[in-house]
Protein backbone atom coordinates (compact mmCIF):
# COMPACT_ATOMS: atom_id res chain seq x y z
CA VAL A 1 92.62 -27.99 30.09
CA GLN A 2 93.66 -30.73 27.67
CA LEU A 3 94.35 -29.93 24.02
CA GLN A 4 94.13 -32.31 21.08
CA ALA A 5 95.49 -31.14 17.73
CA SER A 6 94.52 -32.79 14.45
CA GLY A 7 94.31 -32.18 10.73
CA GLY A 8 97.92 -32.46 9.70
CA GLY A 9 99.06 -34.42 6.68
CA LEU A 10 101.01 -34.42 3.44
CA VAL A 11 100.15 -31.78 0.86
CA GLN A 12 101.77 -30.39 -2.25
CA ALA A 13 103.13 -26.87 -2.37
CA GLY A 14 100.33 -24.41 -3.02
CA GLY A 15 97.79 -26.62 -1.31
CA SER A 16 95.74 -26.11 1.83
CA LEU A 17 95.15 -27.77 5.17
CA ARG A 18 93.00 -26.91 8.16
CA LEU A 19 94.28 -27.79 11.59
CA SER A 20 91.94 -28.15 14.54
CA CYS A 21 92.64 -28.09 18.24
CA ALA A 22 89.91 -29.39 20.52
CA ALA A 23 89.99 -28.43 24.18
CA SER A 24 88.46 -30.22 27.11
CA GLY A 25 86.85 -28.43 30.02
CA ARG A 26 84.31 -25.64 30.29
CA THR A 27 86.69 -22.69 30.48
CA PHE A 28 87.91 -22.66 26.88
CA SER A 29 86.60 -19.17 26.30
CA SER A 30 88.86 -17.81 29.04
CA TYR A 31 92.00 -18.80 27.11
CA SER A 32 93.86 -17.07 24.36
CA MET A 33 94.84 -19.79 21.91
CA GLY A 34 98.04 -19.97 19.94
CA TRP A 35 99.63 -22.11 17.25
CA PHE A 36 103.35 -22.82 17.17
CA ARG A 37 105.44 -25.02 14.92
CA GLN A 38 108.74 -26.80 15.13
CA ALA A 39 110.74 -28.01 12.17
CA PRO A 40 113.49 -30.63 12.51
CA GLY A 41 116.61 -29.11 14.02
CA LYS A 42 114.91 -25.79 14.69
CA GLU A 43 113.41 -24.12 17.71
CA ARG A 44 109.67 -23.91 18.23
CA GLU A 45 108.33 -20.76 16.62
CA PHE A 46 105.17 -18.73 16.94
CA VAL A 47 102.65 -18.96 14.11
CA ALA A 48 99.42 -17.26 15.22
CA VAL A 49 97.28 -16.41 18.21
CA ILE A 50 93.66 -15.49 18.83
CA THR A 51 92.36 -13.82 21.96
CA ARG A 52 89.54 -15.09 24.16
CA SER A 53 86.67 -13.54 22.26
CA GLY A 54 88.32 -13.90 18.89
CA GLY A 55 88.45 -10.15 18.55
CA THR A 56 92.21 -9.93 18.07
CA THR A 57 94.56 -12.09 16.05
CA TYR A 58 98.30 -11.90 15.47
CA TYR A 59 100.43 -13.72 12.92
CA ALA A 60 104.06 -14.38 12.27
CA ASP A 61 105.29 -12.45 9.25
CA SER A 62 106.12 -15.72 7.50
CA VAL A 63 102.46 -16.81 7.42
CA LYS A 64 100.61 -13.49 7.25
CA GLY A 65 98.16 -13.43 4.37
CA ARG A 66 98.29 -17.23 3.97
CA PHE A 67 97.14 -18.57 7.35
CA THR A 68 93.98 -17.69 9.27
CA ILE A 69 93.33 -18.50 12.91
CA SER A 70 89.78 -18.72 14.19
CA ARG A 71 87.89 -20.21 17.09
CA ASP A 72 84.48 -21.57 17.96
CA ASN A 73 83.95 -21.20 21.69
CA ALA A 74 80.73 -23.21 21.54
CA LYS A 75 82.73 -26.18 20.20
CA ASN A 76 85.83 -25.56 22.36
CA THR A 77 87.92 -25.59 19.20
CA VAL A 78 90.51 -23.37 17.57
CA TYR A 79 91.39 -23.68 13.90
CA LEU A 80 94.31 -22.81 11.68
CA GLN A 81 93.44 -22.55 8.00
CA MET A 82 96.64 -22.81 6.00
CA ASN A 83 96.59 -21.82 2.34
CA SER A 84 99.32 -21.46 -0.28
CA LEU A 85 101.49 -23.85 1.67
CA LYS A 86 105.23 -23.86 1.06
CA PRO A 87 107.83 -26.53 1.75
CA GLU A 88 109.23 -24.32 4.51
CA ASP A 89 105.90 -24.68 6.35
CA THR A 90 106.79 -28.30 7.01
CA ALA A 91 106.84 -28.82 10.78
CA VAL A 92 105.01 -30.28 13.73
CA TYR A 93 102.28 -27.85 14.66
CA TYR A 94 101.24 -27.37 18.27
CA CYS A 95 98.30 -25.57 19.79
CA ALA A 96 98.65 -23.87 23.15
CA ALA A 97 96.45 -22.10 25.69
CA ASP A 98 97.21 -19.01 27.74
CA ASP A 99 95.04 -17.49 30.48
CA PRO A 100 96.42 -13.99 31.04
CA PRO A 101 94.91 -11.45 33.42
CA ALA A 102 92.46 -9.09 31.77
CA GLY A 103 94.08 -6.45 29.63
CA TYR A 104 95.72 -5.72 26.31
CA TYR A 105 98.64 -7.86 25.22
CA SER A 106 100.83 -7.21 22.21
CA LEU A 107 102.26 -9.62 19.67
CA SER A 108 105.57 -9.67 21.53
CA TYR A 109 103.81 -11.13 24.58
CA TYR A 110 102.10 -13.92 22.65
CA LYS A 111 105.19 -14.89 20.67
CA ALA A 112 106.88 -16.20 23.80
CA ALA A 113 106.22 -19.92 24.12
CA GLY A 114 106.86 -19.74 27.86
CA ILE A 115 103.67 -17.82 28.63
CA TYR A 116 101.39 -20.65 27.51
CA ASP A 117 99.99 -22.84 30.25
CA TYR A 118 98.88 -25.86 28.22
CA TRP A 119 100.09 -27.55 25.04
CA GLY A 120 98.64 -30.08 22.66
CA GLN A 121 100.56 -33.08 21.41
CA GLY A 122 101.33 -31.74 17.94
CA THR A 123 100.27 -32.68 14.42
CA GLN A 124 102.68 -33.18 11.52
CA VAL A 125 102.37 -31.01 8.42
CA THR A 126 104.52 -31.94 5.44
CA VAL A 127 104.55 -29.83 2.28
CA SER A 128 106.19 -31.38 -0.75
CA SER A 129 107.71 -29.31 -3.54
């Protein structure tokens, strides 16, 4: 599957952005979809994940209550609604797809970047103070 992230930009602190990640192929609904971010000089970090059906979501503590992940399987798209943005949210945001065997997976599983099979190219989010 190929992933194309979009929606990044420059926004003032307190503002909002909605990122989108469009997937090619007809098996989008078989993938759990995650968002990661990477700030300059820092390692890539987990932001949020949504399971295949959208029934379960997990968030990093740093974004909980401000960001919302959702998906539209009919449109092969996953979204990240980001509200109350802070300067520390500035980073390149990446979407990623994971196709795990059926079963329950905890947050600790999804936080590991290495389990994702496909990655998008990234979209820059810059939050000014």
